[in-house]
């Protein structure tokens, strides 16, 4: 695993303070470089804030605000989960107007990959429901956010073709947003296939990465 985020041991967290969390698929270094360039180009059109390269990810399940006790239980189980082999390309740019997000993802010609990602998303949620999570109604659209706070209108909803880039995966992580001075920080608390001890993903870089 090579998710470029600092590691958090959930045993060190206050069990009375919920944490915002999600399960995400992280791109490898080559894919991050591609996404960084697409974010730079999109920023020239839409403005907004570019995602930090180490924060590029495809969200598989958004957990919102979750009790630390539940996250600890999830982190203990995730190393036993198996990541399916799903090949897809990033080849379109789209937008979510209301949250002001510009994203990159696979287009509809990659239906087999989209179906496989949807099945993986459903499988993860089946496991989460068994662990006590409540599922939201948000639709799953596989994508990687490039910009936040972009200047978007309803006229910008047309998708645009991007240079085709195979998505190389660096790993799947349970990521939590920990409040810090100024802004929250992303930390990885567990990985699929990661080290069993404490459900942690080892090794991982040290340091603090601001949330984008």
N, C-alpha and C. Protein backbone atom coordinates (compact mmCIF):
# COMPACT_ATOMS: atom_id res chain seq x y z
N UNK A 1 0.83 -1.19 0.00
CA UNK A 1 0.00 0.00 0.00
C UNK A 1 0.87 1.25 0.00
N UNK A 2 0.45 2.26 -0.77
CA UNK A 2 1.25 3.48 -0.84
C UNK A 2 0.34 4.71 -0.85
N UNK A 3 -0.69 4.71 -0.02
CA UNK A 3 -1.55 5.87 0.11
C UNK A 3 -0.75 6.98 0.80
N UNK A 4 -0.59 8.13 0.17
CA UNK A 4 0.33 9.16 0.69
C UNK A 4 -0.29 10.05 1.77
N UNK A 5 -0.76 9.42 2.84
CA UNK A 5 -1.35 10.15 3.95
C UNK A 5 -0.74 9.68 5.26
N UNK A 6 -0.71 10.53 6.28
CA UNK A 6 -0.26 10.07 7.59
C UNK A 6 -1.23 9.05 8.17
N UNK A 7 -0.71 8.18 9.02
CA UNK A 7 -1.50 7.13 9.65
C UNK A 7 -2.07 7.62 10.97
N UNK A 8 -3.30 7.24 11.25
CA UNK A 8 -3.93 7.55 12.52
C UNK A 8 -4.33 6.25 13.22
N UNK A 9 -3.92 6.09 14.47
CA UNK A 9 -4.37 4.98 15.30
C UNK A 9 -5.64 5.43 16.01
N UNK A 10 -6.76 4.83 15.67
CA UNK A 10 -8.04 5.25 16.22
C UNK A 10 -8.14 5.03 17.72
N UNK A 11 -7.25 4.22 18.28
CA UNK A 11 -7.25 4.05 19.73
C UNK A 11 -6.84 5.33 20.45
N UNK A 12 -6.17 6.23 19.72
CA UNK A 12 -5.73 7.49 20.33
C UNK A 12 -6.80 8.58 20.25
N UNK A 13 -7.93 8.27 19.61
CA UNK A 13 -8.98 9.28 19.42
C UNK A 13 -10.00 9.24 20.55
N UNK A 14 -10.57 10.37 20.83
CA UNK A 14 -11.61 10.49 21.85
C UNK A 14 -12.86 9.75 21.38
N UNK A 15 -13.29 8.69 22.07
CA UNK A 15 -14.46 7.94 21.60
C UNK A 15 -15.74 8.74 21.63
N UNK A 16 -15.75 9.85 22.35
CA UNK A 16 -16.96 10.68 22.43
C UNK A 16 -17.05 11.71 21.31
N UNK A 17 -16.01 11.81 20.49
CA UNK A 17 -15.99 12.81 19.41
C UNK A 17 -16.08 12.12 18.06
N UNK A 18 -17.23 12.19 17.36
CA UNK A 18 -17.36 11.56 16.04
C UNK A 18 -16.38 12.17 15.05
N UNK A 19 -16.03 11.39 14.03
CA UNK A 19 -15.12 11.84 12.98
C UNK A 19 -15.79 11.64 11.62
N UNK A 20 -15.59 12.62 10.74
CA UNK A 20 -16.04 12.44 9.35
C UNK A 20 -15.10 11.46 8.66
N UNK A 21 -15.68 10.53 7.91
CA UNK A 21 -14.86 9.46 7.35
C UNK A 21 -15.41 9.01 6.00
N UNK A 22 -14.55 8.37 5.22
CA UNK A 22 -14.97 7.75 3.97
C UNK A 22 -14.00 6.63 3.63
N UNK A 23 -14.43 5.75 2.74
CA UNK A 23 -13.56 4.70 2.19
C UNK A 23 -13.25 5.10 0.76
N UNK A 24 -11.97 5.23 0.43
CA UNK A 24 -11.58 5.73 -0.87
C UNK A 24 -10.53 4.88 -1.56
N UNK A 25 -10.57 4.91 -2.88
CA UNK A 25 -9.58 4.24 -3.73
C UNK A 25 -8.57 5.30 -4.17
N UNK A 26 -7.30 5.08 -3.80
CA UNK A 26 -6.27 6.08 -4.10
C UNK A 26 -5.53 5.73 -5.39
N UNK A 27 -5.25 6.75 -6.22
CA UNK A 27 -4.47 6.53 -7.45
C UNK A 27 -2.98 6.43 -7.15
N UNK A 28 -2.27 5.79 -8.06
CA UNK A 28 -0.82 5.71 -7.92
C UNK A 28 -0.17 7.02 -8.36
N UNK A 29 1.14 7.07 -8.27
CA UNK A 29 1.86 8.33 -8.51
C UNK A 29 1.66 8.84 -9.92
N UNK A 30 1.70 7.95 -10.93
CA UNK A 30 1.51 8.38 -12.31
C UNK A 30 0.12 8.95 -12.56
N UNK A 31 -0.88 8.31 -11.98
CA UNK A 31 -2.25 8.81 -12.13
C UNK A 31 -2.44 10.12 -11.39
N UNK A 32 -1.80 10.27 -10.23
CA UNK A 32 -1.88 11.54 -9.51
C UNK A 32 -1.28 12.68 -10.32
N UNK A 33 -0.17 12.41 -11.03
CA UNK A 33 0.44 13.45 -11.86
C UNK A 33 -0.51 13.87 -12.98
N UNK A 34 -1.18 12.90 -13.58
CA UNK A 34 -2.17 13.19 -14.62
C UNK A 34 -3.31 14.04 -14.05
N UNK A 35 -3.82 13.65 -12.88
CA UNK A 35 -4.92 14.38 -12.26
C UNK A 35 -4.51 15.80 -11.87
N UNK A 36 -3.28 15.95 -11.43
CA UNK A 36 -2.79 17.28 -11.07
C UNK A 36 -2.78 18.19 -12.30
N UNK A 37 -2.37 17.66 -13.45
CA UNK A 37 -2.36 18.46 -14.67
C UNK A 37 -3.78 18.80 -15.11
N UNK A 38 -4.71 17.85 -15.01
CA UNK A 38 -6.10 18.13 -15.38
C UNK A 38 -6.73 19.15 -14.43
N UNK A 39 -6.35 19.10 -13.15
CA UNK A 39 -6.85 20.09 -12.20
C UNK A 39 -6.32 21.47 -12.54
N UNK A 40 -5.06 21.54 -12.94
CA UNK A 40 -4.46 22.83 -13.31
C UNK A 40 -5.19 23.43 -14.51
N UNK A 41 -5.45 22.61 -15.50
CA UNK A 41 -6.14 23.10 -16.70
C UNK A 41 -7.58 23.49 -16.38
N UNK A 42 -8.27 22.70 -15.57
CA UNK A 42 -9.65 23.02 -15.22
C UNK A 42 -9.71 24.32 -14.42
N UNK A 43 -8.72 24.56 -13.59
CA UNK A 43 -8.68 25.77 -12.79
C UNK A 43 -8.61 27.01 -13.66
N UNK A 44 -7.98 26.91 -14.82
CA UNK A 44 -7.90 28.05 -15.73
C UNK A 44 -9.28 28.44 -16.27
N UNK A 45 -10.18 27.48 -16.33
CA UNK A 45 -11.53 27.74 -16.83
C UNK A 45 -12.50 28.08 -15.72
N UNK A 46 -12.45 27.34 -14.62
CA UNK A 46 -13.48 27.44 -13.59
C UNK A 46 -13.01 28.10 -12.29
N UNK A 47 -11.72 28.39 -12.18
CA UNK A 47 -11.24 28.90 -10.90
C UNK A 47 -11.38 27.84 -9.82
N UNK A 48 -11.62 28.25 -8.60
CA UNK A 48 -11.78 27.29 -7.52
C UNK A 48 -10.47 26.87 -6.91
N UNK A 49 -10.54 25.84 -6.08
CA UNK A 49 -9.37 25.36 -5.35
C UNK A 49 -8.99 23.98 -5.86
N UNK A 50 -7.75 23.83 -6.30
CA UNK A 50 -7.28 22.54 -6.78
C UNK A 50 -7.06 21.59 -5.62
N UNK A 51 -7.44 20.34 -5.83
CA UNK A 51 -7.15 19.31 -4.84
C UNK A 51 -5.64 19.10 -4.75
N UNK A 52 -5.15 18.87 -3.55
CA UNK A 52 -3.75 18.49 -3.40
C UNK A 52 -3.54 17.12 -4.03
N UNK A 53 -2.39 16.88 -4.68
CA UNK A 53 -2.15 15.60 -5.33
C UNK A 53 -2.34 14.40 -4.40
N UNK A 54 -1.92 14.54 -3.13
CA UNK A 54 -2.05 13.42 -2.20
C UNK A 54 -3.49 13.18 -1.76
N UNK A 55 -4.40 14.10 -2.11
CA UNK A 55 -5.81 13.94 -1.73
C UNK A 55 -6.68 13.43 -2.85
N UNK A 56 -6.15 13.25 -4.06
CA UNK A 56 -6.95 12.69 -5.15
C UNK A 56 -7.40 11.28 -4.76
N UNK A 57 -8.70 11.02 -4.89
CA UNK A 57 -9.22 9.69 -4.56
C UNK A 57 -10.59 9.51 -5.21
N UNK A 58 -10.98 8.26 -5.33
CA UNK A 58 -12.32 7.90 -5.78
C UNK A 58 -13.06 7.36 -4.56
N UNK A 59 -14.10 8.07 -4.13
CA UNK A 59 -14.84 7.67 -2.93
C UNK A 59 -15.70 6.45 -3.24
N UNK A 60 -15.49 5.39 -2.47
CA UNK A 60 -16.29 4.17 -2.61
C UNK A 60 -17.47 4.16 -1.66
N UNK A 61 -17.34 4.81 -0.51
CA UNK A 61 -18.44 4.91 0.45
C UNK A 61 -18.18 6.10 1.35
N UNK A 62 -19.14 7.02 1.43
CA UNK A 62 -19.02 8.18 2.29
C UNK A 62 -19.74 7.88 3.60
N UNK A 63 -19.02 7.96 4.72
CA UNK A 63 -19.56 7.56 6.01
C UNK A 63 -20.03 8.74 6.84
N UNK A 64 -19.76 9.95 6.38
CA UNK A 64 -20.18 11.16 7.08
C UNK A 64 -19.61 11.16 8.50
N UNK A 65 -20.34 11.71 9.45
CA UNK A 65 -19.87 11.76 10.83
C UNK A 65 -20.15 10.43 11.51
N UNK A 66 -19.09 9.76 11.99
CA UNK A 66 -19.21 8.40 12.51
C UNK A 66 -18.59 8.29 13.90
N UNK A 67 -19.21 7.50 14.80
CA UNK A 67 -18.61 7.30 16.12
C UNK A 67 -17.25 6.63 16.01
N UNK A 68 -16.33 7.04 16.85
CA UNK A 68 -14.99 6.44 16.84
C UNK A 68 -15.07 4.95 17.12
N UNK A 69 -15.97 4.53 17.99
CA UNK A 69 -16.08 3.10 18.30
C UNK A 69 -16.45 2.30 17.05
N UNK A 70 -17.34 2.84 16.21
CA UNK A 70 -17.72 2.16 14.98
C UNK A 70 -16.56 2.14 13.99
N UNK A 71 -15.82 3.24 13.91
CA UNK A 71 -14.67 3.30 13.02
C UNK A 71 -13.58 2.33 13.45
N UNK A 72 -13.39 2.16 14.75
CA UNK A 72 -12.41 1.18 15.25
C UNK A 72 -12.80 -0.23 14.82
N UNK A 73 -14.07 -0.54 14.92
CA UNK A 73 -14.55 -1.86 14.52
C UNK A 73 -14.34 -2.08 13.02
N UNK A 74 -14.66 -1.06 12.24
CA UNK A 74 -14.46 -1.14 10.79
C UNK A 74 -12.99 -1.29 10.45
N UNK A 75 -12.13 -0.51 11.10
CA UNK A 75 -10.69 -0.57 10.83
C UNK A 75 -10.12 -1.94 11.14
N UNK A 76 -10.67 -2.62 12.13
CA UNK A 76 -10.19 -3.95 12.48
C UNK A 76 -10.56 -4.99 11.43
N UNK A 77 -11.65 -4.74 10.69
CA UNK A 77 -12.12 -5.72 9.71
C UNK A 77 -11.57 -5.48 8.31
N UNK A 78 -11.31 -4.23 7.96
CA UNK A 78 -10.94 -3.91 6.58
C UNK A 78 -9.71 -4.63 6.06
N UNK A 79 -8.68 -4.91 6.87
CA UNK A 79 -7.52 -5.63 6.31
C UNK A 79 -7.87 -6.99 5.73
N UNK A 80 -9.00 -7.58 6.12
CA UNK A 80 -9.42 -8.88 5.59
C UNK A 80 -10.24 -8.76 4.32
N UNK A 81 -10.66 -7.55 3.95
CA UNK A 81 -11.44 -7.38 2.74
C UNK A 81 -10.53 -7.51 1.51
N UNK A 82 -11.10 -7.95 0.42
CA UNK A 82 -10.35 -8.16 -0.82
C UNK A 82 -10.72 -7.08 -1.83
N UNK A 83 -9.71 -6.46 -2.42
CA UNK A 83 -9.94 -5.46 -3.46
C UNK A 83 -10.12 -6.15 -4.80
N UNK A 84 -11.24 -5.95 -5.47
CA UNK A 84 -11.44 -6.58 -6.79
C UNK A 84 -10.55 -5.93 -7.84
N UNK A 85 -10.25 -6.68 -8.89
CA UNK A 85 -9.47 -6.14 -10.00
C UNK A 85 -10.42 -5.50 -11.01
N UNK A 86 -10.40 -4.18 -11.07
CA UNK A 86 -11.27 -3.44 -11.98
C UNK A 86 -10.41 -2.48 -12.78
N UNK A 87 -10.37 -2.67 -14.07
CA UNK A 87 -9.58 -1.79 -14.95
C UNK A 87 -10.50 -0.75 -15.58
N UNK A 88 -10.13 0.52 -15.46
CA UNK A 88 -10.89 1.58 -16.11
C UNK A 88 -9.97 2.74 -16.40
N UNK A 89 -10.44 3.61 -17.30
CA UNK A 89 -9.68 4.80 -17.68
C UNK A 89 -10.40 6.05 -17.20
N UNK A 90 -9.64 7.06 -16.88
CA UNK A 90 -10.16 8.40 -16.69
C UNK A 90 -10.14 9.08 -18.05
N UNK A 91 -11.31 9.45 -18.57
CA UNK A 91 -11.33 10.03 -19.92
C UNK A 91 -12.41 11.08 -20.13
N UNK A 92 -13.12 11.48 -19.05
CA UNK A 92 -14.06 12.59 -19.18
C UNK A 92 -13.93 13.52 -17.98
N UNK A 93 -14.30 14.77 -18.23
CA UNK A 93 -14.39 15.77 -17.16
C UNK A 93 -15.86 16.17 -17.01
N UNK A 94 -16.35 16.13 -15.78
CA UNK A 94 -17.71 16.53 -15.49
C UNK A 94 -17.75 17.47 -14.32
N UNK A 95 -18.95 17.92 -13.96
CA UNK A 95 -19.10 18.85 -12.84
C UNK A 95 -20.31 18.43 -12.00
N UNK A 96 -20.26 18.80 -10.72
CA UNK A 96 -21.42 18.79 -9.84
C UNK A 96 -21.66 20.26 -9.50
N UNK A 97 -22.73 20.82 -10.04
CA UNK A 97 -22.92 22.27 -9.96
C UNK A 97 -23.17 22.73 -8.53
N UNK A 98 -24.08 22.07 -7.82
CA UNK A 98 -24.46 22.55 -6.49
C UNK A 98 -23.28 22.57 -5.51
N UNK A 99 -22.49 21.47 -5.41
CA UNK A 99 -21.33 21.52 -4.51
C UNK A 99 -20.11 22.19 -5.13
N UNK A 100 -20.20 22.66 -6.40
CA UNK A 100 -19.13 23.40 -7.06
C UNK A 100 -17.86 22.55 -7.20
N UNK A 101 -18.06 21.34 -7.71
CA UNK A 101 -16.96 20.39 -7.88
C UNK A 101 -16.77 20.08 -9.36
N UNK A 102 -15.52 20.08 -9.81
CA UNK A 102 -15.13 19.61 -11.14
C UNK A 102 -14.39 18.30 -10.95
N UNK A 103 -14.72 17.28 -11.76
CA UNK A 103 -14.16 15.95 -11.53
C UNK A 103 -13.72 15.29 -12.83
N UNK A 104 -12.94 14.23 -12.68
CA UNK A 104 -12.55 13.36 -13.79
C UNK A 104 -13.03 11.95 -13.49
N UNK A 105 -13.39 11.22 -14.54
CA UNK A 105 -13.88 9.86 -14.33
C UNK A 105 -13.97 9.07 -15.61
N UNK A 106 -14.49 7.85 -15.53
CA UNK A 106 -14.70 7.02 -16.73
C UNK A 106 -16.02 7.38 -17.41
N UNK A 107 -16.06 7.32 -18.73
CA UNK A 107 -17.31 7.64 -19.43
C UNK A 107 -18.18 6.40 -19.56
N UNK A 108 -19.37 6.60 -20.17
CA UNK A 108 -20.36 5.54 -20.22
C UNK A 108 -20.01 4.42 -21.19
N UNK A 109 -18.99 4.60 -22.04
CA UNK A 109 -18.57 3.50 -22.91
C UNK A 109 -17.87 2.40 -22.11
N UNK A 110 -17.48 2.69 -20.87
CA UNK A 110 -16.81 1.71 -20.02
C UNK A 110 -17.83 1.07 -19.06
N UNK A 111 -18.92 0.58 -19.64
CA UNK A 111 -20.03 0.11 -18.82
C UNK A 111 -19.65 -1.07 -17.95
N UNK A 112 -18.83 -1.97 -18.46
CA UNK A 112 -18.43 -3.12 -17.65
C UNK A 112 -17.69 -2.67 -16.40
N UNK A 113 -16.79 -1.71 -16.55
CA UNK A 113 -16.06 -1.19 -15.40
C UNK A 113 -16.98 -0.44 -14.45
N UNK A 114 -17.91 0.36 -15.01
CA UNK A 114 -18.86 1.09 -14.17
C UNK A 114 -19.73 0.13 -13.37
N UNK A 115 -20.17 -0.95 -14.02
CA UNK A 115 -20.98 -1.95 -13.32
C UNK A 115 -20.17 -2.62 -12.21
N UNK A 116 -18.89 -2.90 -12.48
CA UNK A 116 -18.04 -3.53 -11.48
C UNK A 116 -17.80 -2.60 -10.29
N UNK A 117 -17.59 -1.32 -10.56
CA UNK A 117 -17.42 -0.35 -9.48
C UNK A 117 -18.71 -0.22 -8.68
N UNK A 118 -19.85 -0.22 -9.35
CA UNK A 118 -21.13 -0.15 -8.65
C UNK A 118 -21.32 -1.37 -7.75
N UNK A 119 -20.97 -2.55 -8.26
CA UNK A 119 -21.09 -3.77 -7.47
C UNK A 119 -20.18 -3.71 -6.25
N UNK A 120 -18.98 -3.19 -6.42
CA UNK A 120 -18.04 -3.05 -5.30
C UNK A 120 -18.60 -2.08 -4.26
N UNK A 121 -19.13 -0.98 -4.73
CA UNK A 121 -19.77 -0.01 -3.85
C UNK A 121 -20.90 -0.65 -3.04
N UNK A 122 -21.73 -1.46 -3.71
CA UNK A 122 -22.84 -2.13 -3.03
C UNK A 122 -22.33 -3.14 -2.01
N UNK A 123 -21.27 -3.86 -2.37
CA UNK A 123 -20.71 -4.85 -1.46
C UNK A 123 -20.17 -4.18 -0.19
N UNK A 124 -19.48 -3.05 -0.38
CA UNK A 124 -18.97 -2.32 0.79
C UNK A 124 -20.13 -1.88 1.68
N UNK A 125 -21.20 -1.38 1.06
CA UNK A 125 -22.32 -0.92 1.87
C UNK A 125 -23.05 -2.06 2.55
N UNK A 126 -23.09 -3.24 1.94
CA UNK A 126 -23.67 -4.40 2.62
C UNK A 126 -22.90 -4.68 3.91
N UNK A 127 -21.58 -4.56 3.86
CA UNK A 127 -20.75 -4.78 5.05
C UNK A 127 -20.97 -3.68 6.08
N UNK A 128 -21.08 -2.45 5.60
CA UNK A 128 -21.27 -1.33 6.51
C UNK A 128 -22.62 -1.40 7.22
N UNK A 129 -23.65 -1.82 6.50
CA UNK A 129 -24.97 -1.95 7.11
C UNK A 129 -24.94 -2.99 8.22
N UNK A 130 -24.19 -4.06 8.01
CA UNK A 130 -24.06 -5.08 9.05
C UNK A 130 -23.34 -4.54 10.28
N UNK A 131 -22.51 -3.53 10.08
CA UNK A 131 -21.77 -2.93 11.19
C UNK A 131 -22.54 -1.78 11.84
N UNK A 132 -23.74 -1.49 11.32
CA UNK A 132 -24.58 -0.50 11.98
C UNK A 132 -24.68 0.86 11.32
N UNK A 133 -24.04 1.05 10.15
CA UNK A 133 -24.15 2.34 9.48
C UNK A 133 -25.51 2.48 8.82
N UNK A 134 -25.97 3.71 8.68
CA UNK A 134 -27.18 4.02 7.94
C UNK A 134 -26.77 4.58 6.58
N UNK A 135 -27.38 4.08 5.54
CA UNK A 135 -26.99 4.48 4.19
C UNK A 135 -27.75 5.71 3.73
N UNK A 136 -27.02 6.65 3.11
CA UNK A 136 -27.65 7.84 2.57
C UNK A 136 -28.23 7.53 1.19
N UNK A 137 -28.95 8.49 0.64
CA UNK A 137 -29.60 8.31 -0.66
C UNK A 137 -28.74 8.82 -1.81
N UNK A 138 -27.52 9.27 -1.53
CA UNK A 138 -26.72 9.86 -2.61
C UNK A 138 -26.37 8.80 -3.66
N UNK A 139 -26.43 9.22 -4.93
CA UNK A 139 -26.13 8.33 -6.04
C UNK A 139 -24.63 8.14 -6.17
N UNK A 140 -24.20 6.92 -6.48
CA UNK A 140 -22.78 6.63 -6.65
C UNK A 140 -22.40 6.91 -8.10
N UNK A 141 -21.52 7.88 -8.29
CA UNK A 141 -20.96 8.17 -9.61
C UNK A 141 -19.45 8.14 -9.47
N UNK A 142 -18.77 7.08 -9.97
CA UNK A 142 -17.31 6.99 -9.79
C UNK A 142 -16.62 8.21 -10.39
N UNK A 143 -15.84 8.91 -9.56
CA UNK A 143 -15.15 10.11 -10.03
C UNK A 143 -14.03 10.47 -9.07
N UNK A 144 -13.12 11.30 -9.55
CA UNK A 144 -12.06 11.87 -8.73
C UNK A 144 -12.21 13.39 -8.81
N UNK A 145 -12.41 14.04 -7.67
CA UNK A 145 -12.56 15.50 -7.67
C UNK A 145 -11.24 16.17 -8.04
N UNK A 146 -11.33 17.16 -8.94
CA UNK A 146 -10.18 17.95 -9.35
C UNK A 146 -10.18 19.32 -8.68
N UNK A 147 -11.37 19.95 -8.61
CA UNK A 147 -11.51 21.29 -8.05
C UNK A 147 -12.68 21.32 -7.08
N UNK A 148 -12.56 22.13 -6.07
CA UNK A 148 -13.68 22.50 -5.22
C UNK A 148 -13.86 24.01 -5.27
N UNK A 149 -15.06 24.46 -4.94
CA UNK A 149 -15.39 25.90 -4.96
C UNK A 149 -15.19 26.49 -6.35
N UNK A 150 -15.49 25.70 -7.39
CA UNK A 150 -15.37 26.18 -8.76
C UNK A 150 -16.53 27.12 -9.10
N UNK A 151 -16.30 27.97 -10.08
CA UNK A 151 -17.35 28.89 -10.55
C UNK A 151 -18.18 28.16 -11.60
N UNK A 152 -19.30 27.59 -11.19
CA UNK A 152 -20.10 26.74 -12.06
C UNK A 152 -21.53 27.26 -12.17
N UNK A 153 -22.14 27.04 -13.33
CA UNK A 153 -23.55 27.33 -13.54
C UNK A 153 -24.18 26.11 -14.22
N UNK A 154 -25.49 26.15 -14.39
CA UNK A 154 -26.17 25.04 -15.06
C UNK A 154 -25.71 24.89 -16.51
N UNK A 155 -25.14 25.92 -17.08
CA UNK A 155 -24.63 25.83 -18.45
C UNK A 155 -23.35 25.01 -18.55
N UNK A 156 -22.76 24.65 -17.41
CA UNK A 156 -21.48 23.94 -17.41
C UNK A 156 -21.64 22.43 -17.23
N UNK A 157 -22.86 21.91 -17.37
CA UNK A 157 -23.09 20.50 -17.04
C UNK A 157 -22.63 19.54 -18.13
N UNK A 158 -22.28 20.03 -19.30
CA UNK A 158 -21.83 19.15 -20.39
C UNK A 158 -20.49 18.52 -20.02
N UNK A 159 -20.39 17.19 -20.20
CA UNK A 159 -19.11 16.51 -19.96
C UNK A 159 -18.17 16.74 -21.13
N UNK A 160 -16.88 16.75 -20.84
CA UNK A 160 -15.86 16.99 -21.86
C UNK A 160 -14.86 15.85 -21.87
N UNK A 161 -14.39 15.51 -23.05
CA UNK A 161 -13.40 14.44 -23.18
C UNK A 161 -12.06 14.89 -22.62
N UNK A 162 -11.36 13.97 -21.98
CA UNK A 162 -10.00 14.19 -21.49
C UNK A 162 -9.07 13.20 -22.16
N UNK A 163 -7.77 13.49 -22.20
CA UNK A 163 -6.82 12.47 -22.65
C UNK A 163 -6.98 11.21 -21.80
N UNK A 164 -7.01 10.06 -22.44
CA UNK A 164 -7.29 8.80 -21.74
C UNK A 164 -6.13 8.42 -20.83
N UNK A 165 -6.44 8.12 -19.57
CA UNK A 165 -5.43 7.74 -18.58
C UNK A 165 -5.92 6.52 -17.82
N UNK A 166 -5.23 5.37 -17.94
CA UNK A 166 -5.59 4.22 -17.09
C UNK A 166 -5.44 4.58 -15.62
N UNK A 167 -6.42 4.19 -14.81
CA UNK A 167 -6.37 4.46 -13.38
C UNK A 167 -5.51 3.39 -12.72
N UNK A 168 -4.35 3.80 -12.24
CA UNK A 168 -3.49 2.90 -11.49
C UNK A 168 -3.78 3.06 -10.01
N UNK A 169 -4.07 1.97 -9.32
CA UNK A 169 -4.48 2.04 -7.92
C UNK A 169 -3.29 1.88 -6.98
N UNK A 170 -3.28 2.73 -5.94
CA UNK A 170 -2.26 2.63 -4.90
C UNK A 170 -2.79 1.95 -3.65
N UNK A 171 -4.10 1.82 -3.51
CA UNK A 171 -4.67 1.16 -2.34
C UNK A 171 -6.02 1.73 -1.99
N UNK A 172 -6.70 1.03 -1.09
CA UNK A 172 -8.01 1.44 -0.60
C UNK A 172 -7.89 1.70 0.89
N UNK A 173 -8.31 2.88 1.33
CA UNK A 173 -8.14 3.24 2.72
C UNK A 173 -9.40 3.75 3.38
N UNK A 174 -9.51 3.50 4.67
CA UNK A 174 -10.48 4.18 5.52
C UNK A 174 -9.82 5.48 5.96
N UNK A 175 -10.38 6.60 5.52
CA UNK A 175 -9.77 7.91 5.75
C UNK A 175 -10.69 8.72 6.66
N UNK A 176 -10.10 9.36 7.65
CA UNK A 176 -10.86 10.19 8.58
C UNK A 176 -10.33 11.61 8.51
N UNK A 177 -11.23 12.55 8.76
CA UNK A 177 -10.89 13.96 8.77
C UNK A 177 -10.81 14.41 10.22
N UNK A 178 -9.62 14.72 10.68
CA UNK A 178 -9.38 15.05 12.08
C UNK A 178 -9.28 16.56 12.23
N UNK A 179 -10.11 17.17 13.07
CA UNK A 179 -10.02 18.62 13.26
C UNK A 179 -8.63 19.03 13.74
N UNK A 180 -8.12 20.12 13.18
CA UNK A 180 -6.81 20.63 13.57
C UNK A 180 -6.79 22.14 13.51
N UNK A 181 -5.66 22.75 13.85
CA UNK A 181 -5.55 24.21 13.80
C UNK A 181 -5.76 24.72 12.37
N UNK A 182 -6.70 25.61 12.19
CA UNK A 182 -6.93 26.19 10.88
C UNK A 182 -7.87 25.38 10.02
N UNK A 183 -7.60 24.11 9.82
CA UNK A 183 -8.45 23.24 9.01
C UNK A 183 -8.22 21.79 9.43
N UNK A 184 -9.12 20.94 8.98
CA UNK A 184 -9.00 19.53 9.33
C UNK A 184 -7.90 18.85 8.53
N UNK A 185 -7.50 17.66 8.96
CA UNK A 185 -6.44 16.90 8.31
C UNK A 185 -6.96 15.52 7.90
N UNK A 186 -6.54 15.05 6.72
CA UNK A 186 -6.84 13.69 6.29
C UNK A 186 -5.81 12.73 6.90
N UNK A 187 -6.30 11.63 7.47
CA UNK A 187 -5.43 10.55 7.94
C UNK A 187 -6.03 9.21 7.48
N UNK A 188 -5.17 8.24 7.24
CA UNK A 188 -5.64 6.90 6.90
C UNK A 188 -5.61 6.04 8.16
N UNK A 189 -6.74 5.39 8.44
CA UNK A 189 -6.88 4.60 9.67
C UNK A 189 -6.83 3.10 9.42
N UNK A 190 -7.04 2.66 8.18
CA UNK A 190 -6.98 1.24 7.85
C UNK A 190 -6.91 1.10 6.34
N UNK A 191 -6.45 -0.04 5.88
CA UNK A 191 -6.38 -0.32 4.44
C UNK A 191 -6.87 -1.72 4.14
N UNK A 192 -7.43 -1.91 2.95
CA UNK A 192 -7.70 -3.25 2.48
C UNK A 192 -6.37 -3.97 2.30
N UNK A 193 -6.27 -5.15 2.88
CA UNK A 193 -5.03 -5.91 2.76
C UNK A 193 -3.89 -5.32 3.55
N UNK A 194 -4.16 -4.35 4.45
CA UNK A 194 -3.12 -3.71 5.24
C UNK A 194 -2.70 -4.57 6.41
N UNK A 195 -1.80 -4.04 7.24
CA UNK A 195 -1.31 -4.77 8.39
C UNK A 195 -2.45 -5.05 9.36
N UNK A 196 -2.47 -6.24 9.94
CA UNK A 196 -3.52 -6.62 10.87
C UNK A 196 -3.46 -5.82 12.17
N UNK A 197 -2.26 -5.48 12.61
CA UNK A 197 -2.11 -4.84 13.90
C UNK A 197 -2.85 -3.50 13.92
N UNK A 198 -3.85 -3.39 14.78
CA UNK A 198 -4.66 -2.19 14.96
C UNK A 198 -5.42 -1.80 13.69
N UNK A 199 -5.48 -2.69 12.69
CA UNK A 199 -6.14 -2.33 11.46
C UNK A 199 -5.42 -1.24 10.70
N UNK A 200 -4.14 -1.06 10.94
CA UNK A 200 -3.42 0.05 10.34
C UNK A 200 -2.79 -0.33 9.01
N UNK A 201 -2.55 0.68 8.21
CA UNK A 201 -1.92 0.52 6.91
C UNK A 201 -0.46 0.92 7.06
N UNK A 202 0.45 -0.03 7.00
CA UNK A 202 1.87 0.25 7.24
C UNK A 202 2.70 -0.22 6.05
N UNK A 203 3.80 0.46 5.70
CA UNK A 203 4.22 1.74 6.29
C UNK A 203 3.44 2.88 5.67
N UNK A 204 3.52 4.06 6.27
CA UNK A 204 2.88 5.24 5.73
C UNK A 204 3.72 6.45 6.03
N UNK A 205 3.63 7.50 5.21
CA UNK A 205 4.42 8.70 5.47
C UNK A 205 4.02 9.35 6.77
N UNK A 206 4.94 10.07 7.35
CA UNK A 206 4.62 10.85 8.54
C UNK A 206 4.35 12.28 8.12
N UNK A 207 3.88 13.07 9.05
CA UNK A 207 3.61 14.47 8.75
C UNK A 207 2.12 14.72 8.67
N UNK A 208 1.77 15.96 8.48
CA UNK A 208 0.37 16.37 8.45
C UNK A 208 0.07 16.95 7.08
N UNK A 209 -1.02 16.50 6.48
CA UNK A 209 -1.42 16.97 5.17
C UNK A 209 -2.73 17.73 5.29
N UNK A 210 -2.79 19.01 4.94
CA UNK A 210 -4.04 19.76 5.05
C UNK A 210 -5.11 19.17 4.15
N UNK A 211 -6.33 19.17 4.61
CA UNK A 211 -7.45 18.71 3.80
C UNK A 211 -7.74 19.72 2.73
N UNK A 212 -7.95 19.22 1.50
CA UNK A 212 -8.26 20.13 0.40
C UNK A 212 -9.75 20.10 0.10
